[in-house]
Protein backbone atom coordinates (compact mmCIF):
# COMPACT_ATOMS: atom_id res chain seq x y z
CA UNK A 1 -57.08 166.02 55.22
CA UNK A 2 -55.84 162.89 53.56
CA UNK A 3 -57.52 162.03 50.17
CA UNK A 4 -57.75 157.93 49.99
CA UNK A 5 -57.85 155.95 47.13
CA UNK A 6 -59.63 152.91 47.90
CA UNK A 7 -60.41 149.93 45.48
CA UNK A 8 -64.24 149.18 46.04
CA UNK A 9 -64.06 145.83 45.02
CA UNK A 10 -61.80 144.44 48.01
CA UNK A 11 -61.48 147.70 50.05
CA UNK A 12 -57.99 147.62 49.67
CA UNK A 13 -56.13 151.22 50.46
CA UNK A 14 -54.14 151.97 47.13
CA UNK A 15 -52.80 155.32 47.66
CA UNK A 16 -53.09 158.46 49.73
CA UNK A 17 -52.27 162.18 49.01
CA UNK A 18 -52.16 165.23 51.30
CA UNK A 19 -54.47 167.81 50.55
CA UNK A 20 -52.87 170.96 49.40
CA UNK A 21 -52.50 174.09 51.76
CA UNK A 22 -54.13 177.27 51.17
CA UNK A 23 -50.75 178.65 50.16
CA UNK A 24 -50.45 175.87 47.51
CA UNK A 25 -53.65 176.68 46.21
CA UNK A 26 -53.04 180.38 45.77
CA UNK A 27 -49.73 179.52 43.93
CA UNK A 28 -51.32 177.06 41.84
CA UNK A 29 -54.02 180.07 40.90
CA UNK A 30 -51.11 182.27 40.32
CA UNK A 31 -49.37 180.01 37.91
CA UNK A 32 -52.64 179.34 35.84
CA UNK A 33 -53.29 183.26 35.97
CA UNK A 34 -50.00 183.86 34.34
CA UNK A 35 -50.20 180.81 31.78
CA UNK A 36 -53.34 182.39 30.79
CA UNK A 37 -51.71 185.66 29.79
CA UNK A 38 -49.52 183.63 27.29
CA UNK A 39 -52.28 180.90 26.19
CA UNK A 40 -54.97 183.41 25.21
CA UNK A 41 -52.63 184.60 22.52
CA UNK A 42 -51.65 181.51 21.06
CA UNK A 43 -53.10 180.96 17.43
CA UNK A 44 -55.68 178.21 17.11
CA UNK A 45 -53.46 175.55 15.31
CA UNK A 46 -50.89 175.74 18.34
CA UNK A 47 -53.83 175.22 20.91
CA UNK A 48 -55.17 172.57 18.48
CA UNK A 49 -51.94 170.66 18.32
CA UNK A 50 -51.95 170.10 22.28
CA UNK A 51 -55.67 168.65 21.95
CA UNK A 52 -54.56 166.43 19.08
CA UNK A 53 -51.64 165.13 21.00
CA UNK A 54 -54.02 164.64 24.03
CA UNK A 55 -56.39 162.52 21.76
CA UNK A 56 -53.34 160.56 20.76
CA UNK A 57 -52.00 159.76 24.22
CA UNK A 58 -55.85 158.82 25.34
CA UNK A 59 -55.73 156.43 22.70
CA UNK A 60 -52.39 154.95 23.40
CA UNK A 61 -52.91 154.67 27.20
CA UNK A 62 -56.61 153.34 27.19
CA UNK A 63 -55.98 150.22 28.69
CA UNK A 64 -53.63 151.79 31.61
CA UNK A 65 -56.45 154.16 32.05
CA UNK A 66 -59.15 151.78 32.13
CA UNK A 67 -57.19 149.63 34.67
CA UNK A 68 -56.93 152.48 36.66
CA UNK A 69 -60.87 153.43 36.77
CA UNK A 70 -61.27 149.85 37.54
CA UNK A 71 -59.05 149.43 40.62
CA UNK A 72 -60.18 153.16 41.95
CA UNK A 73 -63.94 153.64 41.36
CA UNK A 74 -65.06 150.06 40.19
CA UNK A 75 -65.68 150.58 36.53
CA UNK A 76 -65.65 147.46 34.44
CA UNK A 77 -62.82 147.44 31.66
CA UNK A 78 -65.23 147.79 28.93
CA UNK A 79 -66.75 150.63 30.35
CA UNK A 80 -63.52 152.23 30.85
CA UNK A 81 -62.37 151.69 27.55
CA UNK A 82 -65.56 153.29 25.97
CA UNK A 83 -64.85 156.41 28.24
CA UNK A 84 -61.38 157.06 27.19
CA UNK A 85 -62.31 156.60 23.56
CA UNK A 86 -64.87 159.32 24.03
CA UNK A 87 -62.28 161.59 25.62
CA UNK A 88 -60.14 161.24 22.43
CA UNK A 89 -62.96 162.03 20.37
CA UNK A 90 -63.77 165.12 22.46
CA UNK A 91 -60.29 166.40 21.99
CA UNK A 92 -60.34 165.80 18.20
CA UNK A 93 -63.61 167.40 17.63
CA UNK A 94 -62.45 170.56 19.46
CA UNK A 95 -59.09 170.58 17.61
CA UNK A 96 -60.76 170.27 14.42
CA UNK A 97 -63.85 172.37 14.98
CA UNK A 98 -62.85 175.28 17.48
CA UNK A 99 -61.73 177.32 15.44
CA UNK A 100 -64.63 177.36 12.92
CA UNK A 101 -67.15 177.43 15.97
CA UNK A 102 -65.35 180.49 17.51
CA UNK A 103 -65.42 182.37 14.03
CA UNK A 104 -66.58 186.23 14.21
CA UNK A 105 -70.09 186.71 12.99
CA UNK A 106 -71.11 189.84 11.02
CA UNK A 107 -74.31 191.14 11.90
CA UNK A 108 -76.07 193.69 9.36
CA UNK A 109 -77.99 196.71 10.61
CA UNK A 110 -79.49 199.61 8.76
CA UNK A 111 -77.04 202.20 9.57
CA UNK A 112 -73.62 199.98 9.69
CA UNK A 113 -72.21 196.61 10.56
CA UNK A 114 -71.57 194.80 13.67
CA UNK A 115 -69.41 191.93 14.28
CA UNK A 116 -69.48 189.29 17.33
CA UNK A 117 -66.24 188.13 18.58
CA UNK A 118 -65.50 185.19 20.79
CA UNK A 119 -62.73 186.05 23.50
CA UNK A 120 -61.04 183.94 26.20
CA UNK A 121 -61.89 185.26 29.72
CA UNK A 122 -59.34 183.54 31.80
CA UNK A 123 -59.30 180.75 34.66
CA UNK A 124 -62.27 178.41 34.30
CA UNK A 125 -62.94 176.27 37.40
CA UNK A 126 -64.02 172.64 36.74
CA UNK A 127 -65.63 170.67 39.80
CA UNK A 128 -65.66 167.18 38.74
CA UNK A 129 -67.54 163.99 40.03
CA UNK A 130 -66.11 160.73 40.61
CA UNK A 131 -68.13 158.27 37.72
CA UNK A 132 -66.38 159.73 34.70
CA UNK A 133 -62.82 160.69 36.00
CA UNK A 134 -61.49 161.43 32.48
CA UNK A 135 -64.60 162.23 30.20
CA UNK A 136 -65.98 164.71 32.84
CA UNK A 137 -62.80 167.09 32.90
CA UNK A 138 -62.30 166.55 29.30
CA UNK A 139 -65.52 167.97 28.25
CA UNK A 140 -64.44 171.02 30.54
CA UNK A 141 -60.96 171.13 29.33
CA UNK A 142 -60.99 170.56 25.59
CA UNK A 143 -63.47 173.48 24.71
CA UNK A 144 -61.89 175.87 27.01
CA UNK A 145 -58.43 175.39 25.89
CA UNK A 146 -59.21 175.78 22.30
CA UNK A 147 -60.93 178.91 23.16
CA UNK A 148 -57.78 180.26 24.84
CA UNK A 149 -58.85 179.76 28.50
CA UNK A 150 -56.99 177.91 31.25
CA UNK A 151 -58.68 175.36 33.59
CA UNK A 152 -58.50 174.40 37.09
CA UNK A 153 -60.00 171.18 38.24
CA UNK A 154 -61.14 170.06 41.64
CA UNK A 155 -61.96 166.32 41.37
CA UNK A 156 -63.62 163.79 43.25
CA UNK A 157 -61.85 163.11 46.48
CA UNK A 158 -62.14 159.34 46.13
CA UNK A 159 -60.27 159.33 42.64
CA UNK A 160 -57.02 161.17 43.08
CA UNK A 161 -55.03 158.34 41.20
CA UNK A 162 -57.42 159.08 38.02
CA UNK A 163 -56.85 163.01 38.72
CA UNK A 164 -53.20 162.65 38.66
CA UNK A 165 -53.39 160.56 35.61
CA UNK A 166 -55.36 163.25 33.83
CA UNK A 167 -52.90 166.04 34.78
CA UNK A 168 -49.98 164.12 33.70
CA UNK A 169 -51.40 163.26 30.25
CA UNK A 170 -52.16 167.04 29.57
CA UNK A 171 -48.67 167.81 30.43
CA UNK A 172 -47.14 165.05 28.11
CA UNK A 173 -49.52 166.32 25.48
CA UNK A 174 -47.67 169.73 25.57
CA UNK A 175 -49.95 171.84 27.60
CA UNK A 176 -47.75 174.60 29.34
CA UNK A 177 -47.73 174.49 33.08
CA UNK A 178 -50.72 176.25 34.22
CA UNK A 179 -53.23 175.87 31.46
CA UNK A 180 -54.43 172.66 33.14
CA UNK A 181 -53.97 171.99 36.76
CA UNK A 182 -55.42 169.69 39.23
CA UNK A 183 -56.05 170.70 42.74
CA UNK A 184 -55.86 168.08 45.29
CA UNK A 185 -58.36 169.30 47.67
CA UNK A 186 -61.39 167.91 49.46
CA UNK A 187 -64.92 169.43 49.19
CA UNK A 188 -64.01 171.66 52.14
CA UNK A 189 -61.09 173.13 50.26
CA UNK A 190 -63.01 173.38 47.05
CA UNK A 191 -64.93 176.86 47.85
CA UNK A 192 -61.82 179.29 48.42
CA UNK A 193 -61.04 178.83 44.42
CA UNK A 194 -64.37 180.39 43.56
CA UNK A 195 -63.98 183.38 45.62
CA UNK A 196 -60.41 184.08 44.13
CA UNK A 197 -60.87 186.94 41.69
CA UNK A 198 -58.52 185.40 39.03
CA UNK A 199 -61.13 182.63 38.70
CA UNK A 200 -63.88 183.79 35.92
CA UNK A 201 -66.36 180.81 35.78
CA UNK A 202 -67.31 177.53 37.41
CA UNK A 203 -68.44 174.59 35.77
CA UNK A 204 -70.06 172.00 38.31
CA UNK A 205 -71.09 168.49 37.65
CA UNK A 206 -72.63 166.36 40.65
CA UNK A 207 -75.67 166.50 43.05
CA UNK A 208 -78.48 169.12 43.26
CA UNK A 209 -77.14 169.95 47.11
CA UNK A 210 -73.75 170.70 45.99
CA UNK A 211 -74.55 172.51 42.79
CA UNK A 212 -76.76 174.65 44.77
CA UNK A 213 -73.95 175.69 47.32
CA UNK A 214 -71.59 176.23 44.39
CA UNK A 215 -74.05 178.21 42.26
CA UNK A 216 -74.82 180.28 45.45
CA UNK A 217 -71.19 181.04 46.13
CA UNK A 218 -70.52 181.79 42.54
CA UNK A 219 -73.44 184.14 42.08
CA UNK A 220 -72.34 186.29 45.31
CA UNK A 221 -68.85 186.50 43.39
CA UNK A 222 -70.79 187.41 40.05
CA UNK A 223 -69.26 184.37 38.07
CA UNK A 224 -71.01 182.51 35.51
CA UNK A 225 -71.60 178.77 36.10
CA UNK A 226 -72.60 176.01 34.00
CA UNK A 227 -74.49 173.09 36.22
CA UNK A 228 -75.18 169.51 35.30
CA UNK A 229 -76.85 168.14 38.24
CA UNK A 230 -79.05 164.95 39.01
CA UNK A 231 -81.46 163.06 36.73
CA UNK A 232 -84.15 160.52 36.93
CA UNK A 233 -84.37 159.91 33.17
CA UNK A 234 -87.52 158.37 31.93
CA UNK A 235 -87.09 155.27 29.65
CA UNK A 236 -90.36 155.00 27.98
CA UNK A 237 -91.64 151.82 26.14
CA UNK A 238 -94.64 152.15 23.85
CA UNK A 239 -96.96 149.46 22.64
CA UNK A 240 -95.12 148.95 19.39
CA UNK A 241 -91.52 148.89 20.63
CA UNK A 242 -89.31 146.45 19.32
CA UNK A 243 -88.62 144.22 22.24
CA UNK A 244 -85.12 142.76 21.41
CA UNK A 245 -83.81 146.21 20.78
CA UNK A 246 -85.20 147.73 23.86
CA UNK A 247 -84.43 145.35 26.12
CA UNK A 248 -80.79 145.39 25.18
CA UNK A 249 -80.72 149.18 25.16
CA UNK A 250 -82.20 148.93 28.80
CA UNK A 251 -79.25 146.56 29.84
CA UNK A 252 -76.87 149.15 28.75
CA UNK A 253 -78.61 152.31 29.94
CA UNK A 254 -79.02 150.64 33.54
CA UNK A 255 -75.68 148.78 34.02
CA UNK A 256 -73.20 150.83 32.67
CA UNK A 257 -70.98 152.13 35.46
CA UNK A 258 -73.13 150.06 37.57
CA UNK A 259 -75.93 152.56 37.27
CA UNK A 260 -74.09 155.40 38.48
CA UNK A 261 -74.62 157.69 35.55
CA UNK A 262 -76.52 160.86 35.49
CA UNK A 263 -78.18 159.99 32.47
CA UNK A 264 -78.84 156.49 33.32
CA UNK A 265 -82.30 154.99 32.65
CA UNK A 266 -83.92 155.37 35.81
CA UNK A 267 -87.64 155.42 35.67
CA UNK A 268 -88.78 152.49 33.57
CA UNK A 269 -92.33 153.68 32.01
CA UNK A 270 -94.05 150.89 30.19
CA UNK A 271 -97.38 150.68 28.55
CA UNK A 272 -99.35 147.81 30.10
CA UNK A 273 -99.89 145.76 26.94
CA UNK A 274 -95.95 145.28 26.82
CA UNK A 275 -95.06 145.44 30.35
CA UNK A 276 -95.03 141.72 31.32
CA UNK A 277 -92.84 140.73 28.38
CA UNK A 278 -90.46 143.47 29.13
CA UNK A 279 -90.25 142.73 32.83
CA UNK A 280 -90.01 138.86 32.01
CA UNK A 281 -86.96 139.22 29.82
CA UNK A 282 -85.35 141.79 32.06
CA UNK A 283 -86.08 140.02 35.20
CA UNK A 284 -84.17 136.75 33.62
CA UNK A 285 -81.09 138.79 32.19
CA UNK A 286 -80.75 140.37 35.84
CA UNK A 287 -80.70 137.20 37.55
CA UNK A 288 -78.14 135.71 35.41
CA UNK A 289 -75.80 138.63 35.94
CA UNK A 290 -72.69 137.90 38.61
CA UNK A 291 -71.03 140.12 40.48
CA UNK A 292 -67.12 140.16 40.29
CA UNK A 293 -63.96 142.09 39.88
CA UNK A 294 -64.21 144.81 37.48
CA UNK A 295 -60.78 144.07 36.08
CA UNK A 296 -62.15 140.66 35.26
CA UNK A 297 -63.49 140.62 31.32
CA UNK A 298 -66.22 138.13 32.46
CA UNK A 299 -67.76 140.13 35.45
CA UNK A 300 -71.23 140.67 34.82
CA UNK A 301 -71.46 143.92 37.25
CA UNK A 302 -69.11 145.43 39.54
CA UNK A 303 -69.11 147.51 42.71
CA UNK A 304 -70.36 151.16 43.18
CA UNK A 305 -67.89 153.61 43.74
CA UNK A 306 -67.64 153.12 47.27
CA UNK A 307 -69.34 151.04 50.13
CA UNK A 308 -70.71 154.31 51.41
CA UNK A 309 -72.43 155.08 48.09
CA UNK A 310 -73.72 150.97 48.34
CA UNK A 311 -75.10 151.90 51.61
CA UNK A 312 -77.01 154.91 50.64
CA UNK A 313 -78.59 153.01 47.82
CA UNK A 314 -79.56 150.40 49.87
CA UNK A 315 -81.23 152.78 52.33
CA UNK A 316 -83.07 154.14 49.23
CA UNK A 317 -84.32 150.77 48.41
CA UNK A 318 -85.28 150.06 52.14
CA UNK A 319 -87.22 153.24 52.40
CA UNK A 320 -89.10 152.88 49.07
CA UNK A 321 -90.26 149.28 50.33
CA UNK A 322 -91.30 150.80 53.57
CA UNK A 323 -93.50 153.33 51.56
CA UNK A 324 -95.11 150.64 49.66
CA UNK A 325 -92.58 149.62 46.84
CA UNK A 326 -91.99 146.10 45.95
CA UNK A 327 -88.68 144.67 45.25
CA UNK A 328 -89.21 141.91 42.34
CA UNK A 329 -85.62 141.01 41.67
CA UNK A 330 -82.32 141.82 43.47
CA UNK A 331 -82.37 144.38 46.42
CA UNK A 332 -79.44 143.20 48.41
CA UNK A 333 -76.13 144.64 49.31
CA UNK A 334 -72.86 143.02 49.78
CA UNK A 335 -69.95 145.26 50.65
CA UNK A 336 -69.76 148.00 47.77
CA UNK A 337 -72.10 145.73 45.70
CA UNK A 338 -75.75 146.15 44.91
CA UNK A 339 -77.59 143.63 43.15
CA UNK A 340 -79.23 144.60 39.75
CA UNK A 341 -82.87 145.43 41.33
CA UNK A 342 -86.46 146.06 39.85
CA UNK A 343 -88.58 148.18 42.08
CA UNK A 344 -92.41 148.24 41.35
CA UNK A 345 -95.68 149.47 42.92
CA UNK A 346 -93.97 152.93 43.34
CA UNK A 347 -96.45 155.33 44.60
CA UNK A 348 -95.96 159.49 44.85
CA UNK A 349 -93.87 160.20 47.93
CA UNK A 350 -92.01 157.13 47.72
CA UNK A 351 -88.12 157.71 47.80
CA UNK A 352 -87.90 155.96 44.40
CA UNK A 353 -90.54 158.27 42.50
CA UNK A 354 -88.65 161.71 43.94
CA UNK A 355 -85.27 160.82 44.53
CA UNK A 356 -82.41 160.05 42.12
CA UNK A 357 -81.06 156.43 42.87
CA UNK A 358 -77.56 156.14 41.63
CA UNK A 359 -77.00 152.56 41.36
CA UNK A 360 -78.48 149.37 39.29
CA UNK A 361 -81.89 150.03 40.41
CA UNK A 362 -84.90 149.93 37.75
CA UNK A 363 -87.92 152.03 39.19
CA UNK A 364 -90.84 150.57 37.29
CA UNK A 365 -94.23 152.39 36.32
CA UNK A 366 -96.90 150.76 34.21
CA UNK A 367 -99.28 153.19 32.58
CA UNK A 368 -102.40 152.97 30.16
CA UNK A 369 -101.12 154.51 26.92
CA UNK A 370 -98.98 157.26 25.54
CA UNK A 371 -100.30 160.24 27.11
CA UNK A 372 -99.89 158.77 30.59
CA UNK A 373 -96.42 157.98 29.88
CA UNK A 374 -95.66 161.24 29.11
CA UNK A 375 -97.42 162.91 32.07
CA UNK A 376 -95.62 160.46 34.30
CA UNK A 377 -92.23 161.18 32.51
CA UNK A 378 -92.37 164.99 33.24
CA UNK A 379 -93.92 164.46 36.76
CA UNK A 380 -90.55 165.15 38.34
CA UNK A 381 -88.28 167.91 39.45
CA UNK A 382 -85.46 166.83 37.42
CA UNK A 383 -85.36 167.20 33.65
CA UNK A 384 -81.83 165.80 32.21
CA UNK A 385 -82.19 163.26 29.41
CA UNK A 386 -84.79 160.51 28.49
CA UNK A 387 -85.50 157.82 25.96
CA UNK A 388 -88.58 156.60 23.77
CA UNK A 389 -89.00 153.12 22.38
CA UNK A 390 -91.18 152.54 19.39
CA UNK A 391 -90.96 151.08 15.76
CA UNK A 392 -92.64 154.61 14.39
CA UNK A 393 -90.11 156.82 14.40
CA UNK A 394 -92.36 159.88 13.78
CA UNK A 395 -94.50 158.97 16.75
CA UNK A 396 -91.07 158.67 18.94
CA UNK A 397 -90.09 162.05 17.94
CA UNK A 398 -93.38 163.30 18.58
CA UNK A 399 -93.22 161.92 22.40
CA UNK A 400 -89.34 162.86 22.86
CA UNK A 401 -90.47 166.49 22.04
CA UNK A 402 -92.95 166.45 24.91
CA UNK A 403 -90.44 165.16 27.52
CA UNK A 404 -89.22 167.84 29.71
CA UNK A 405 -85.37 167.32 29.46
CA UNK A 406 -82.27 168.75 27.88
CA UNK A 407 -81.90 165.67 25.72
CA UNK A 408 -84.29 162.98 24.40
CA UNK A 409 -83.43 160.06 22.64
CA UNK A 410 -85.44 157.78 20.27
CA UNK A 411 -84.51 153.95 20.07
CA UNK A 412 -81.42 154.60 22.09
CA UNK A 413 -80.43 155.33 25.65
CA UNK A 414 -79.55 159.03 26.80
CA UNK A 415 -75.97 159.26 25.78
CA UNK A 416 -73.32 161.87 25.04
CA UNK A 417 -71.46 162.72 21.71
CA UNK A 418 -68.52 165.17 21.32
CA UNK A 419 -70.27 167.18 18.77
CA UNK A 420 -73.84 167.32 20.41
CA UNK A 421 -74.67 169.70 23.61
CA UNK A 422 -75.84 168.16 26.35
CA UNK A 423 -77.36 169.43 29.64
CA UNK A 424 -80.49 169.76 31.67
CA UNK A 425 -83.77 171.54 32.72
CA UNK A 426 -85.48 172.15 35.95
CA UNK A 427 -83.38 170.96 38.73
CA UNK A 428 -81.08 169.16 36.45
CA UNK A 429 -78.97 172.24 35.97
CA UNK A 430 -78.51 174.71 33.12
CA UNK A 431 -75.96 175.57 30.50
CA UNK A 432 -74.79 173.27 28.01
CA UNK A 433 -71.44 171.24 27.48
CA UNK A 434 -69.94 169.71 24.35
CA UNK A 435 -71.03 170.51 20.78
CA UNK A 436 -71.24 174.06 19.42
CA UNK A 437 -72.90 175.30 22.45
CA UNK A 438 -70.61 173.93 25.02
CA UNK A 439 -67.69 175.91 23.66
CA UNK A 440 -69.60 179.14 23.78
CA UNK A 441 -70.39 179.24 27.69
CA UNK A 442 -67.15 180.48 28.82
CA UNK A 443 -66.07 183.15 26.27
CA UNK A 444 -66.87 186.59 26.02
CA UNK A 445 -69.38 187.07 23.02
CA UNK A 446 -68.23 190.81 22.30
CA UNK A 447 -70.13 193.11 19.90
CA UNK A 448 -67.74 195.26 17.78
CA UNK A 449 -69.67 198.07 16.01
CA UNK A 450 -68.55 199.86 12.96
CA UNK A 451 -70.36 202.76 11.29
């Protein structure tokens, strides 16, 4: 199979790559296995030096990598620069904190002493999505490399140039051959890596359907997995919210990466007393946005990652309307572009109620009060993130605690930070990445017992 790099803005074919053969995949796994035998015995300072250099290179190549994302998957330059800065922060964080996070921990008992130590386990296989082609592999690679593991990545088929650029950056940072490997494979070729006995764990970010298949295959091989799957994150606006702040946060949370973010603001839950003002403001802002080339700094919103993705979002909008929902603004598609859209009158059983819409579509619900907002937020099979807007911080924390999700933010959109774990509950997945929890997912937490 040939992997194609296509600019979604103009449908221009940028590059093609031939998929690796089974023999090439086996050889890559073999190199990673040999690299692990050496890398695991390197000191923390030796591993950290590679991570620090990677952080430096991300910052040095920020413009180059942002432009590559703009051309290959349609991300606006400002969003791309932000992603690259986040990558650098992740590598710096684990270079600085990795040894402390993995330090042995004493456990006292009545008849002796125990010590928990954290040892690397081997090859970790990261199956990555296209929407953050540098951040996603960074949050898998940085903690595992500092822990002494090595990483093999299968990136999304539509961003092969970004995948190659990531691998080259890691090589230029001094990562020995085999410590980080990019496999040029399609979804069809991804599974063979999971079956290989040399691979010890799998980290997956993507759809629920894809995650279920990966988890099933890994389970048959008795391999640990970390899953970050879909989300329909609630964006709850209470009656005492600061509307200026809330509207800006909403625009950021809905339109970054053209809405193609797992933790984007997706279900907009408005207490009825402020609903009209919020919708009036947001509608005006949506109507002012202009589509354009993501390489143009003045572009209001860019395309989705592919025309196929835009067609899928268009279909979800149309099916929702057929089920009774109303499009109050937007709703139209032009090639890979979807107009920023607001859907209202969404009932249970409507696609917009039950499905994750991966695009610039705001699904709006109006409720009577705080209690109804919480109940609606939790009426979902997903539980990734969420946010609450109120001028009463204590109230915001109280509501956030009741949202069934892996993360919940007060007066800020759901977001990601190098030092803070993220992940989901329910069908949004399990396990955590980043922070102190992320580094512990793929290490052997071994007890050493003395008497």
